[in-house]
């Protein structure tokens, strides 16, 4: 696991703030995983996990079918994000929800 992409439609405000929140959680969990933000249409091909709003999950999966797509409802403090960090910290595999 090397790269998590926090994606949104434009890749600016919402995904930037979500990625920053996730970076803090990853650091606190002492995980060595890079977190970036991106528009859905520009998700890097080498992404391992893509966090994306539920409404764009199918679009993200079409863009990068090899990544585990983790949909969320709220850009901030969504339980899916916290659960993802917990699963990563526990060494569990992350499966795509789409």
Protein backbone atom coordinates (compact mmCIF):
# COMPACT_ATOMS: atom_id res chain seq x y z
CA UNK A 1 0.00 0.00 0.00
CA UNK A 2 1.68 3.15 -1.19
CA UNK A 3 -0.84 5.74 -2.40
CA UNK A 4 -4.29 6.84 -1.28
CA UNK A 5 -6.07 9.41 -3.45
CA UNK A 6 -8.82 11.56 -1.98
CA UNK A 7 -10.81 12.51 -5.06
CA UNK A 8 -13.62 14.93 -5.80
CA UNK A 9 -15.11 16.53 -8.88
CA UNK A 10 -12.69 19.44 -9.27
CA UNK A 11 -9.82 18.25 -7.05
CA UNK A 12 -9.47 21.56 -5.26
CA UNK A 13 -11.34 22.52 -2.10
CA UNK A 14 -13.16 19.47 -0.80
CA UNK A 15 -10.58 16.86 -1.70
CA UNK A 16 -7.72 19.04 -0.47
CA UNK A 17 -9.30 19.44 2.96
CA UNK A 18 -10.28 15.76 3.07
CA UNK A 19 -6.77 14.70 2.08
CA UNK A 20 -5.24 16.91 4.77
CA UNK A 21 -7.53 15.39 7.39
CA UNK A 22 -6.63 11.88 6.17
CA UNK A 23 -2.89 12.69 6.20
CA UNK A 24 -3.15 13.58 9.89
CA UNK A 25 -4.98 10.33 10.62
CA UNK A 26 -2.42 8.28 8.66
CA UNK A 27 0.46 9.99 10.47
CA UNK A 28 -1.16 9.44 13.88
CA UNK A 29 -1.64 5.76 12.99
CA UNK A 30 2.09 5.61 12.11
CA UNK A 31 1.42 4.32 8.60
CA UNK A 32 3.84 4.99 5.76
CA UNK A 33 1.30 5.77 3.04
CA UNK A 34 1.26 8.80 0.75
CA UNK A 35 -2.04 10.71 0.55
CA UNK A 36 -2.85 13.13 -2.26
CA UNK A 37 -5.95 14.86 -3.61
CA UNK A 38 -7.12 14.80 -7.20
CA UNK A 39 -10.06 15.40 -9.52
CA UNK A 40 -11.76 12.10 -10.34
CA UNK A 41 -10.74 12.37 -13.99
CA UNK A 42 -7.05 12.74 -13.06
CA UNK A 43 -6.60 9.96 -10.51
CA UNK A 44 -3.07 8.56 -10.97
CA UNK A 45 -2.95 5.04 -12.42
CA UNK A 46 -0.73 3.84 -9.56
CA UNK A 47 -3.29 4.69 -6.85
CA UNK A 48 -3.94 1.80 -4.46
CA UNK A 49 -7.03 3.24 -2.76
CA UNK A 50 -9.36 6.00 -3.93
CA UNK A 51 -11.63 7.73 -1.44
CA UNK A 52 -14.47 9.37 -3.34
CA UNK A 53 -17.98 10.65 -2.68
CA UNK A 54 -20.63 8.00 -3.28
CA UNK A 55 -22.02 9.94 -6.23
CA UNK A 56 -18.71 9.64 -8.10
CA UNK A 57 -17.68 6.11 -7.09
CA UNK A 58 -18.61 4.45 -10.39
CA UNK A 59 -16.80 7.19 -12.30
CA UNK A 60 -13.67 6.62 -10.19
CA UNK A 61 -13.85 2.83 -10.72
CA UNK A 62 -14.15 3.34 -14.48
CA UNK A 63 -11.10 5.63 -14.41
CA UNK A 64 -8.92 3.26 -12.38
CA UNK A 65 -10.37 -0.26 -12.11
CA UNK A 66 -7.30 -1.65 -10.31
CA UNK A 67 -7.75 0.58 -7.24
CA UNK A 68 -9.90 -0.16 -4.22
CA UNK A 69 -12.69 2.42 -4.33
CA UNK A 70 -13.88 3.50 -0.89
CA UNK A 71 -17.00 5.68 -1.12
CA UNK A 72 -18.01 8.16 1.57
CA UNK A 73 -21.02 10.39 2.22
CA UNK A 74 -19.47 13.41 3.99
CA UNK A 75 -16.23 15.12 3.01
CA UNK A 76 -15.30 15.69 6.66
CA UNK A 77 -15.35 13.25 9.57
CA UNK A 78 -17.01 10.48 7.58
CA UNK A 79 -17.02 7.11 9.38
CA UNK A 80 -15.81 5.37 6.20
CA UNK A 81 -12.52 7.30 6.37
CA UNK A 82 -11.96 6.47 10.02
CA UNK A 83 -12.81 2.81 9.34
CA UNK A 84 -10.34 2.73 6.43
CA UNK A 85 -7.50 3.98 8.63
CA UNK A 86 -8.39 1.42 11.30
CA UNK A 87 -8.36 -1.41 8.76
CA UNK A 88 -5.02 -0.26 7.36
CA UNK A 89 -3.56 -0.04 10.84
CA UNK A 90 -4.79 -3.58 11.57
CA UNK A 91 -3.13 -4.83 8.38
CA UNK A 92 -6.41 -5.81 6.75
CA UNK A 93 -6.77 -5.90 2.98
CA UNK A 94 -8.92 -3.20 1.44
CA UNK A 95 -11.46 -4.34 -1.12
CA UNK A 96 -13.27 -2.08 -3.55
CA UNK A 97 -16.85 -1.27 -2.54
CA UNK A 98 -17.78 -0.56 -6.17
